[in-house]
N, C-alpha and C. Protein backbone atom coordinates (compact mmCIF):
# COMPACT_ATOMS: atom_id res chain seq x y z
N MET A 1 99.65 143.69 79.02
CA MET A 1 101.12 143.34 78.89
C MET A 1 101.32 144.94 78.37
N LYS A 2 103.10 144.95 78.17
CA LYS A 2 104.15 145.99 77.72
C LYS A 2 104.69 145.40 76.66
N ALA A 3 104.93 146.12 75.74
CA ALA A 3 106.25 145.99 74.96
C ALA A 3 107.22 147.07 74.95
N LEU A 4 108.18 146.68 74.74
CA LEU A 4 109.61 147.94 74.63
C LEU A 4 110.04 147.86 73.32
N VAL A 5 109.75 148.73 72.50
CA VAL A 5 110.53 148.69 71.09
C VAL A 5 111.81 149.72 71.12
N VAL A 6 112.98 148.79 70.96
CA VAL A 6 114.45 149.87 70.78
C VAL A 6 114.48 149.79 69.32
N VAL A 7 114.04 151.04 69.10
CA VAL A 7 114.56 151.70 67.70
C VAL A 7 115.63 151.69 67.62
N ASP A 8 116.32 150.93 66.32
CA ASP A 8 117.52 151.18 65.81
C ASP A 8 118.87 152.09 66.76
N TYR A 9 118.96 150.96 67.87
CA TYR A 9 120.05 151.44 68.22
C TYR A 9 121.01 150.72 68.11
N GLN A 10 121.74 150.65 66.64
CA GLN A 10 122.55 150.84 65.87
C GLN A 10 124.29 151.15 65.93
N ASN A 11 125.45 150.27 65.60
CA ASN A 11 126.59 150.80 65.36
C ASN A 11 126.64 152.30 64.46
N ASP A 12 125.92 152.19 63.27
CA ASP A 12 126.02 152.95 62.61
C ASP A 12 125.02 154.54 63.13
N PHE A 13 124.43 154.22 63.82
CA PHE A 13 123.66 155.64 64.26
C PHE A 13 124.13 156.01 65.79
N VAL A 14 125.25 155.30 66.34
CA VAL A 14 125.66 155.93 67.26
C VAL A 14 127.20 156.31 66.97
N ASN A 15 128.03 155.39 66.17
CA ASN A 15 129.31 155.77 66.35
C ASN A 15 130.05 155.60 64.98
N GLY A 16 129.25 155.30 63.72
CA GLY A 16 129.03 154.86 62.68
C GLY A 16 129.10 156.18 61.27
N ALA A 17 128.40 155.74 60.24
CA ALA A 17 128.67 156.47 59.31
C ALA A 17 127.50 157.56 59.69
N LEU A 18 126.29 157.41 60.18
CA LEU A 18 125.40 158.67 61.12
C LEU A 18 125.82 158.65 62.61
N GLY A 19 126.61 158.35 62.58
CA GLY A 19 126.59 158.61 64.48
C GLY A 19 126.50 160.01 64.94
N PHE A 20 126.31 160.38 66.44
CA PHE A 20 126.13 161.57 66.60
C PHE A 20 126.73 161.70 68.03
N ALA A 21 127.30 162.80 68.44
CA ALA A 21 127.71 162.64 69.88
C ALA A 21 126.37 162.65 70.77
N GLY A 22 126.62 161.84 71.83
CA GLY A 22 125.34 161.71 72.70
C GLY A 22 124.89 160.65 72.78
N ALA A 23 124.72 160.04 71.45
CA ALA A 23 124.08 158.81 71.37
C ALA A 23 124.56 157.32 72.11
N GLU A 24 125.51 157.44 72.51
CA GLU A 24 126.38 156.53 73.21
C GLU A 24 125.62 156.25 74.42
N ARG A 25 125.17 157.64 74.90
CA ARG A 25 124.83 157.77 76.42
C ARG A 25 123.62 157.05 76.56
N LEU A 26 122.67 156.47 75.74
CA LEU A 26 121.60 155.82 75.88
C LEU A 26 121.30 154.25 76.27
N GLU A 27 122.86 154.06 76.21
CA GLU A 27 123.29 152.58 76.26
C GLU A 27 122.92 152.02 77.48
N PRO A 28 123.21 152.57 78.73
CA PRO A 28 122.69 152.01 80.21
C PRO A 28 121.20 151.98 80.22
N LEU A 29 120.56 153.52 79.82
CA LEU A 29 119.04 153.37 79.89
C LEU A 29 118.44 152.46 79.30
N ILE A 30 118.92 152.24 78.36
CA ILE A 30 118.02 151.32 77.36
C ILE A 30 118.10 150.04 78.03
N ILE A 31 119.46 149.41 78.28
CA ILE A 31 120.00 148.17 79.40
C ILE A 31 118.76 148.05 80.61
N GLU A 32 118.63 149.17 80.94
CA GLU A 32 117.55 149.31 82.21
C GLU A 32 116.66 148.96 81.87
N LYS A 33 116.21 149.35 81.06
CA LYS A 33 114.76 149.72 80.10
C LYS A 33 114.32 147.99 79.90
N ILE A 34 115.23 147.08 79.13
CA ILE A 34 115.15 146.11 78.55
C ILE A 34 114.79 145.15 80.10
N ASN A 35 116.23 144.89 81.31
CA ASN A 35 115.79 144.54 82.30
C ASN A 35 114.43 144.61 82.94
N ASP A 36 113.92 145.98 82.93
CA ASP A 36 112.84 146.21 83.85
C ASP A 36 111.27 145.41 82.96
N CYS A 37 111.75 145.88 81.87
CA CYS A 37 110.50 145.08 80.58
C CYS A 37 110.57 143.33 80.65
N ARG A 38 111.35 142.84 81.25
CA ARG A 38 111.54 141.54 81.27
C ARG A 38 110.90 140.96 82.70
N LYS A 39 111.57 141.52 83.44
CA LYS A 39 110.92 141.51 84.95
C LYS A 39 109.64 141.92 85.05
N THR A 40 108.94 142.50 84.56
CA THR A 40 107.61 142.54 84.93
C THR A 40 107.01 141.36 83.75
N GLY A 41 107.21 140.77 82.82
CA GLY A 41 106.98 139.91 82.13
C GLY A 41 106.37 140.66 80.49
N GLY A 42 107.49 141.51 80.33
CA GLY A 42 106.76 142.24 78.87
C GLY A 42 107.57 141.69 77.93
N LYS A 43 107.51 142.33 76.31
CA LYS A 43 107.65 141.66 75.56
C LYS A 43 109.04 142.66 75.21
N VAL A 44 110.01 142.47 74.16
CA VAL A 44 111.19 143.32 73.88
C VAL A 44 111.26 143.02 72.53
N ILE A 45 111.17 144.14 71.59
CA ILE A 45 111.48 144.08 70.59
C ILE A 45 112.42 144.96 69.91
N PHE A 46 112.99 144.81 69.10
CA PHE A 46 114.20 145.47 68.72
C PHE A 46 113.91 145.92 66.95
N THR A 47 113.93 147.02 66.21
CA THR A 47 114.07 147.02 65.14
C THR A 47 115.30 147.23 64.43
N LEU A 48 115.77 147.07 63.37
CA LEU A 48 116.96 147.65 62.67
C LEU A 48 116.97 148.00 61.54
N ASP A 49 117.23 149.20 61.07
CA ASP A 49 117.41 149.66 60.17
C ASP A 49 118.05 149.08 59.31
N THR A 50 117.68 148.18 58.17
CA THR A 50 118.11 147.53 57.38
C THR A 50 118.33 147.72 55.58
N HIS A 51 119.44 147.64 55.24
CA HIS A 51 119.47 148.55 53.72
C HIS A 51 120.70 147.15 52.81
N THR A 52 120.81 147.33 51.57
CA THR A 52 121.66 146.61 50.97
C THR A 52 122.60 147.41 50.41
N GLU A 53 123.30 146.43 49.69
CA GLU A 53 124.33 147.29 48.84
C GLU A 53 123.88 148.25 47.86
N ASP A 54 122.95 148.31 47.36
CA ASP A 54 122.18 149.10 46.65
C ASP A 54 121.46 150.19 47.17
N TYR A 55 121.56 150.32 48.50
CA TYR A 55 121.01 151.41 49.02
C TYR A 55 121.06 152.92 48.34
N PRO A 56 122.35 153.19 47.63
CA PRO A 56 122.12 154.43 46.72
C PRO A 56 121.43 154.52 45.94
N ASN A 57 120.86 153.46 45.33
CA ASN A 57 119.55 153.47 44.05
C ASN A 57 118.34 153.54 44.89
N THR A 58 118.08 153.42 46.22
CA THR A 58 116.50 153.56 46.70
C THR A 58 116.44 155.02 46.92
N ALA A 59 114.79 155.13 46.73
CA ALA A 59 114.48 156.37 47.31
C ALA A 59 115.12 157.48 48.56
N GLU A 60 115.24 156.34 49.51
CA GLU A 60 115.96 157.15 50.31
C GLU A 60 117.59 157.39 50.30
N GLY A 61 118.31 156.56 50.07
CA GLY A 61 119.37 156.62 49.37
C GLY A 61 119.51 158.05 48.51
N ARG A 62 118.73 157.82 47.71
CA ARG A 62 119.00 159.38 46.76
C ARG A 62 118.68 160.70 47.71
N LYS A 63 118.00 160.30 48.73
CA LYS A 63 117.58 161.83 49.68
C LYS A 63 118.79 161.96 50.69
N LEU A 64 119.19 160.85 50.97
CA LEU A 64 120.46 160.41 51.78
C LEU A 64 121.60 159.94 51.77
N PRO A 65 122.37 160.51 50.95
CA PRO A 65 123.41 159.70 50.10
C PRO A 65 124.28 158.85 51.10
N VAL A 66 124.39 158.55 52.29
CA VAL A 66 125.01 158.32 53.33
C VAL A 66 125.02 156.66 53.42
N PRO A 67 125.55 155.57 53.04
CA PRO A 67 125.30 154.25 53.09
C PRO A 67 125.61 153.67 54.38
N HIS A 68 124.25 153.23 55.04
CA HIS A 68 124.60 153.14 56.15
C HIS A 68 123.65 151.48 56.81
N CYS A 69 124.24 151.14 57.76
CA CYS A 69 123.19 149.80 57.95
C CYS A 69 122.95 148.71 57.05
N ILE A 70 124.05 148.48 56.50
CA ILE A 70 123.89 147.72 55.12
C ILE A 70 124.18 146.37 55.82
N LYS A 71 123.14 145.74 55.81
CA LYS A 71 123.05 144.32 56.05
C LYS A 71 124.34 143.37 56.35
N GLY A 72 124.49 142.82 57.25
CA GLY A 72 125.92 141.86 57.30
C GLY A 72 127.19 142.92 57.53
N THR A 73 127.40 144.23 57.84
CA THR A 73 128.30 144.85 58.40
C THR A 73 128.34 145.40 59.63
N GLU A 74 129.23 145.91 60.31
CA GLU A 74 129.27 146.15 61.74
C GLU A 74 128.24 147.33 61.97
N GLY A 75 128.06 148.06 60.75
CA GLY A 75 127.36 149.00 61.02
C GLY A 75 125.89 148.76 61.10
N HIS A 76 125.58 147.45 60.67
CA HIS A 76 124.42 147.15 61.24
C HIS A 76 123.92 146.22 62.70
N LYS A 77 124.94 146.17 63.12
CA LYS A 77 124.91 145.44 63.96
C LYS A 77 124.38 146.47 65.17
N LEU A 78 123.58 146.26 66.21
CA LEU A 78 123.11 146.73 67.72
C LEU A 78 124.50 147.32 67.95
N TYR A 79 124.47 148.13 68.94
CA TYR A 79 125.48 149.08 69.66
C TYR A 79 126.12 148.26 71.10
N GLY A 80 127.31 148.16 71.32
CA GLY A 80 127.61 147.96 72.16
C GLY A 80 127.01 147.01 72.97
N ARG A 81 126.94 147.14 74.12
CA ARG A 81 126.33 145.55 75.39
C ARG A 81 124.71 145.60 75.14
N VAL A 82 124.25 146.69 74.24
CA VAL A 82 122.80 146.35 73.95
C VAL A 82 122.43 144.69 73.22
N ALA A 83 123.59 144.75 72.30
CA ALA A 83 123.72 143.36 71.59
C ALA A 83 123.71 142.37 72.42
N GLU A 84 124.18 142.52 73.48
CA GLU A 84 124.16 141.05 74.45
C GLU A 84 122.95 141.27 75.32
N TYR A 85 121.84 141.75 74.98
CA TYR A 85 120.65 141.76 75.29
C TYR A 85 119.39 140.91 74.80
N VAL A 86 119.77 140.76 73.41
CA VAL A 86 118.80 140.08 72.81
C VAL A 86 118.43 138.79 72.83
N ALA A 87 117.34 138.45 73.56
CA ALA A 87 116.94 137.18 74.22
C ALA A 87 116.41 136.07 73.03
N ALA A 88 115.98 134.78 72.88
CA ALA A 88 115.93 134.16 72.21
C ALA A 88 114.28 134.62 71.98
N ASP A 89 113.53 134.58 72.68
CA ASP A 89 112.11 134.95 72.66
C ASP A 89 111.65 136.75 72.47
N ASP A 90 112.50 137.35 72.01
CA ASP A 90 112.76 138.75 71.76
C ASP A 90 111.97 138.79 69.98
N ILE A 91 111.26 139.65 69.86
CA ILE A 91 110.99 139.94 68.05
C ILE A 91 112.43 140.90 67.62
N VAL A 92 112.77 140.61 66.67
CA VAL A 92 113.83 141.26 65.85
C VAL A 92 113.11 141.79 64.33
N ILE A 93 112.98 142.74 64.14
CA ILE A 93 112.72 143.32 62.83
C ILE A 93 113.41 144.04 62.03
N GLU A 94 113.41 143.68 60.80
CA GLU A 94 114.61 144.50 59.93
C GLU A 94 113.53 145.29 58.93
N LYS A 95 114.17 146.57 59.07
CA LYS A 95 112.71 147.03 58.48
C LYS A 95 113.78 148.01 57.22
N PRO A 96 113.19 148.26 56.36
CA PRO A 96 114.01 148.99 54.77
C PRO A 96 113.46 150.19 55.20
N SER A 97 112.91 150.61 55.97
CA SER A 97 112.42 152.12 56.03
C SER A 97 112.12 152.73 57.46
N PHE A 98 112.08 153.96 57.45
CA PHE A 98 111.70 154.67 58.75
C PHE A 98 110.63 153.98 59.72
N GLY A 99 109.71 153.70 59.48
CA GLY A 99 108.72 152.90 59.76
C GLY A 99 108.21 151.77 59.60
N SER A 100 107.95 150.71 60.55
CA SER A 100 107.52 149.54 59.87
C SER A 100 106.14 148.84 60.30
N LEU A 101 105.91 148.60 59.19
CA LEU A 101 104.37 147.83 59.37
C LEU A 101 104.19 146.53 60.10
N GLU A 102 106.01 145.61 59.78
CA GLU A 102 105.77 144.47 60.28
C GLU A 102 105.55 144.83 62.19
N LEU A 103 106.44 145.82 62.27
CA LEU A 103 106.28 146.44 63.85
C LEU A 103 104.80 146.74 64.31
N ALA A 104 104.03 147.38 63.42
CA ALA A 104 102.46 147.70 63.63
C ALA A 104 101.69 146.37 63.92
N ASP A 105 102.03 145.68 62.92
CA ASP A 105 101.31 144.31 62.86
C ASP A 105 101.61 143.35 64.07
N ALA A 106 102.53 143.41 64.38
CA ALA A 106 103.11 142.49 65.79
C ALA A 106 102.49 143.03 67.04
N LEU A 107 102.53 144.62 67.28
CA LEU A 107 102.28 145.28 68.04
C LEU A 107 100.51 145.02 68.38
N LYS A 108 100.02 145.10 67.02
CA LYS A 108 98.42 144.45 66.99
C LYS A 108 98.07 143.30 67.49
N SER A 109 99.16 142.43 67.01
CA SER A 109 98.42 140.90 67.08
C SER A 109 98.75 140.94 68.60
N GLY A 110 99.95 141.50 69.44
CA GLY A 110 100.04 141.24 70.50
C GLY A 110 98.87 141.62 71.41
N GLY A 111 98.21 142.78 71.15
CA GLY A 111 97.44 142.96 71.96
C GLY A 111 97.75 143.72 73.27
N PHE A 112 99.37 144.27 73.13
CA PHE A 112 99.95 145.01 74.35
C PHE A 112 99.17 146.24 74.82
N GLU A 113 98.88 146.34 76.09
CA GLU A 113 98.37 147.75 76.63
C GLU A 113 99.20 148.89 76.99
N GLU A 114 100.26 148.76 76.75
CA GLU A 114 101.07 149.95 76.64
C GLU A 114 102.55 149.38 75.79
N VAL A 115 103.13 150.54 75.21
CA VAL A 115 104.05 150.32 74.11
C VAL A 115 104.95 151.69 74.67
N GLU A 116 106.15 151.48 74.71
CA GLU A 116 107.50 152.06 75.03
C GLU A 116 108.40 152.02 73.88
N LEU A 117 109.00 153.00 73.63
CA LEU A 117 109.74 153.39 72.83
C LEU A 117 110.87 153.91 73.02
N CYS A 118 112.22 153.64 72.66
CA CYS A 118 113.57 153.68 73.07
C CYS A 118 114.17 153.73 71.75
N GLY A 119 115.40 154.74 71.79
CA GLY A 119 116.03 154.37 70.52
C GLY A 119 116.72 155.69 69.76
N LEU A 120 116.82 155.82 68.82
CA LEU A 120 117.25 156.13 67.64
C LEU A 120 116.59 156.13 66.31
N VAL A 121 116.77 157.36 65.95
CA VAL A 121 116.87 158.67 65.79
C VAL A 121 115.35 159.14 66.34
N THR A 122 114.99 160.13 67.04
CA THR A 122 113.97 160.85 67.68
C THR A 122 113.18 161.36 66.61
N ASP A 123 113.74 161.96 65.69
CA ASP A 123 112.81 162.41 64.59
C ASP A 123 112.50 162.19 62.95
N ILE A 124 113.08 160.88 63.43
CA ILE A 124 113.13 160.36 62.16
C ILE A 124 112.35 158.98 62.33
N CYS A 125 113.37 157.88 62.76
CA CYS A 125 112.60 156.50 62.87
C CYS A 125 111.46 155.95 64.49
N VAL A 126 112.31 156.96 65.45
CA VAL A 126 111.20 156.85 66.85
C VAL A 126 109.88 157.48 66.34
N VAL A 127 110.09 158.76 65.64
CA VAL A 127 108.34 159.70 65.79
C VAL A 127 107.94 158.69 64.28
N SER A 128 108.21 157.82 63.84
CA SER A 128 107.60 156.91 62.82
C SER A 128 106.87 155.79 63.09
N ASN A 129 107.77 154.90 64.25
CA ASN A 129 106.86 154.25 64.82
C ASN A 129 106.40 154.01 65.79
N ALA A 130 106.41 155.29 66.44
CA ALA A 130 105.25 155.94 67.46
C ALA A 130 104.09 156.18 66.67
N VAL A 131 103.94 156.93 65.74
CA VAL A 131 102.74 157.07 65.04
C VAL A 131 102.31 155.47 64.51
N LEU A 132 102.97 154.89 64.07
CA LEU A 132 102.57 153.42 63.49
C LEU A 132 101.57 152.49 64.89
N ALA A 133 102.58 152.85 66.20
CA ALA A 133 102.00 152.13 67.55
C ALA A 133 100.76 152.47 67.77
N LYS A 134 100.47 153.61 67.58
CA LYS A 134 99.24 154.56 68.39
C LYS A 134 98.00 154.10 67.03
N ALA A 135 98.52 154.13 65.64
CA ALA A 135 97.37 153.73 64.75
C ALA A 135 97.05 151.99 64.87
N ALA A 136 98.51 151.12 65.28
CA ALA A 136 97.98 150.14 65.70
C ALA A 136 97.05 149.38 67.01
N LEU A 137 97.35 150.69 67.78
CA LEU A 137 96.77 150.48 69.50
C LEU A 137 96.15 151.48 69.55
N PRO A 138 95.45 152.04 68.83
CA PRO A 138 95.03 153.16 69.58
C PRO A 138 93.88 153.28 71.10
N GLU A 139 94.07 152.80 71.74
CA GLU A 139 93.66 152.32 73.02
C GLU A 139 94.65 152.31 74.03
N SER A 140 95.58 151.85 73.29
CA SER A 140 96.74 151.27 74.62
C SER A 140 98.04 152.72 74.58
N ARG A 141 98.25 152.45 76.12
CA ARG A 141 99.33 153.68 75.81
C ARG A 141 100.74 153.61 75.33
N ILE A 142 100.84 154.52 74.77
CA ILE A 142 102.25 154.81 73.97
C ILE A 142 103.29 155.36 74.91
N VAL A 143 104.32 155.35 75.13
CA VAL A 143 105.11 156.16 76.05
C VAL A 143 106.70 156.42 75.48
N VAL A 144 107.09 157.65 75.61
CA VAL A 144 108.38 157.58 75.06
C VAL A 144 109.39 158.13 75.93
N ASP A 145 110.05 157.78 76.35
CA ASP A 145 111.14 158.40 77.79
C ASP A 145 112.16 159.23 76.85
N SER A 146 111.89 160.78 77.21
CA SER A 146 112.67 161.61 76.28
C SER A 146 114.42 161.52 76.49
N LYS A 147 114.58 160.76 77.58
CA LYS A 147 116.20 160.75 77.79
C LYS A 147 116.26 159.34 77.16
N ALA A 148 115.84 158.65 76.85
CA ALA A 148 116.19 157.45 75.83
C ALA A 148 115.89 157.43 74.36
N VAL A 149 115.85 158.66 74.10
CA VAL A 149 115.91 158.69 72.63
C VAL A 149 116.64 159.95 72.36
N ALA A 150 117.41 160.26 71.26
CA ALA A 150 117.96 161.13 70.99
C ALA A 150 118.36 161.29 69.51
N SER A 151 118.91 162.52 68.92
CA SER A 151 118.84 163.24 67.62
C SER A 151 120.07 163.89 67.52
N PHE A 152 120.67 163.66 66.48
CA PHE A 152 122.07 164.64 66.18
C PHE A 152 121.38 166.48 65.84
N ASP A 153 119.55 166.28 65.93
CA ASP A 153 119.62 167.91 65.84
C ASP A 153 118.68 167.87 66.96
N ASN A 154 119.22 168.67 68.29
CA ASN A 154 118.49 169.13 69.23
C ASN A 154 116.97 169.87 69.02
N GLU A 155 116.81 170.75 67.90
CA GLU A 155 115.36 171.06 67.47
C GLU A 155 114.54 170.18 67.14
N LYS A 156 115.10 169.70 66.19
CA LYS A 156 114.49 168.40 65.66
C LYS A 156 114.11 167.29 66.35
N HIS A 157 114.69 167.14 67.28
CA HIS A 157 114.67 166.51 68.49
C HIS A 157 113.38 166.43 69.67
N ASP A 158 113.36 168.20 70.00
CA ASP A 158 112.11 168.51 70.48
C ASP A 158 110.96 168.47 69.57
N ALA A 159 111.21 168.73 68.89
CA ALA A 159 109.84 168.95 67.54
C ALA A 159 109.32 167.60 67.57
N ALA A 160 110.13 166.54 67.18
CA ALA A 160 109.39 165.21 67.32
C ALA A 160 109.00 165.08 68.74
N LEU A 161 109.43 165.14 69.70
CA LEU A 161 108.72 165.09 71.14
C LEU A 161 107.10 165.56 71.17
N GLU A 162 107.37 166.61 70.47
CA GLU A 162 105.94 167.55 70.70
C GLU A 162 104.57 166.67 69.98
N VAL A 163 105.34 166.63 68.41
CA VAL A 163 104.69 165.55 67.59
C VAL A 163 104.28 164.34 68.39
N MET A 164 104.74 163.54 68.92
CA MET A 164 104.50 162.78 69.48
C MET A 164 103.06 162.92 70.68
N ARG A 165 103.45 163.74 71.36
CA ARG A 165 102.74 164.53 72.57
C ARG A 165 101.29 164.94 71.41
N SER A 166 101.46 165.08 70.60
CA SER A 166 100.14 165.79 69.86
C SER A 166 99.21 164.51 69.05
N ILE A 167 100.05 163.30 69.12
CA ILE A 167 99.12 162.08 68.68
C ILE A 167 98.74 161.42 69.96
N GLN A 168 98.97 162.12 71.27
CA GLN A 168 98.99 161.42 72.98
C GLN A 168 99.37 160.27 73.24
N ALA A 169 100.70 160.63 72.66
CA ALA A 169 101.52 159.46 73.23
C ALA A 169 102.26 160.06 74.62
N ASP A 170 102.45 159.61 75.47
CA ASP A 170 102.89 159.89 76.93
C ASP A 170 104.52 160.38 76.45
N VAL A 171 105.11 161.42 76.53
CA VAL A 171 106.58 161.84 76.65
C VAL A 171 106.78 162.00 78.39
N VAL A 172 107.46 161.21 78.46
CA VAL A 172 107.89 161.32 80.08
C VAL A 172 109.43 161.84 80.15
């Protein structure tokens, strides 16, 4: 069985506090991937970068002093029409950091033969969770569609895709 992981496709990363041009273009492709995954009996998992009002006092907040994805705000919500595609049986993981051990545990316990990641940001949360997916499921296929991920920095985007290739993820 396949798992599709939609990483942090949230308002604050598309058009909010940390938004960047081009992030909105992923929306139709992500929706298509969700529909395709469901048609083939796969599992859809959404991760949400999740912070609280004390974000400036956290380790991340001290290094990236831009409050974002504060739980209960518009910035924390999934972007655009993607929000309409969350189903009752999907897994939604609120994560306080770049990578999610909860996601790794869900993937491992699900015994998925393939895990595809899409969303934002390629060189931060996508790569972090791809590494965790590979660690959780070393014999499973880990896939990243280079057209379904994006970054505000094209050089870092490309470098992250190379890192994911180096851990034997299939970057397509």
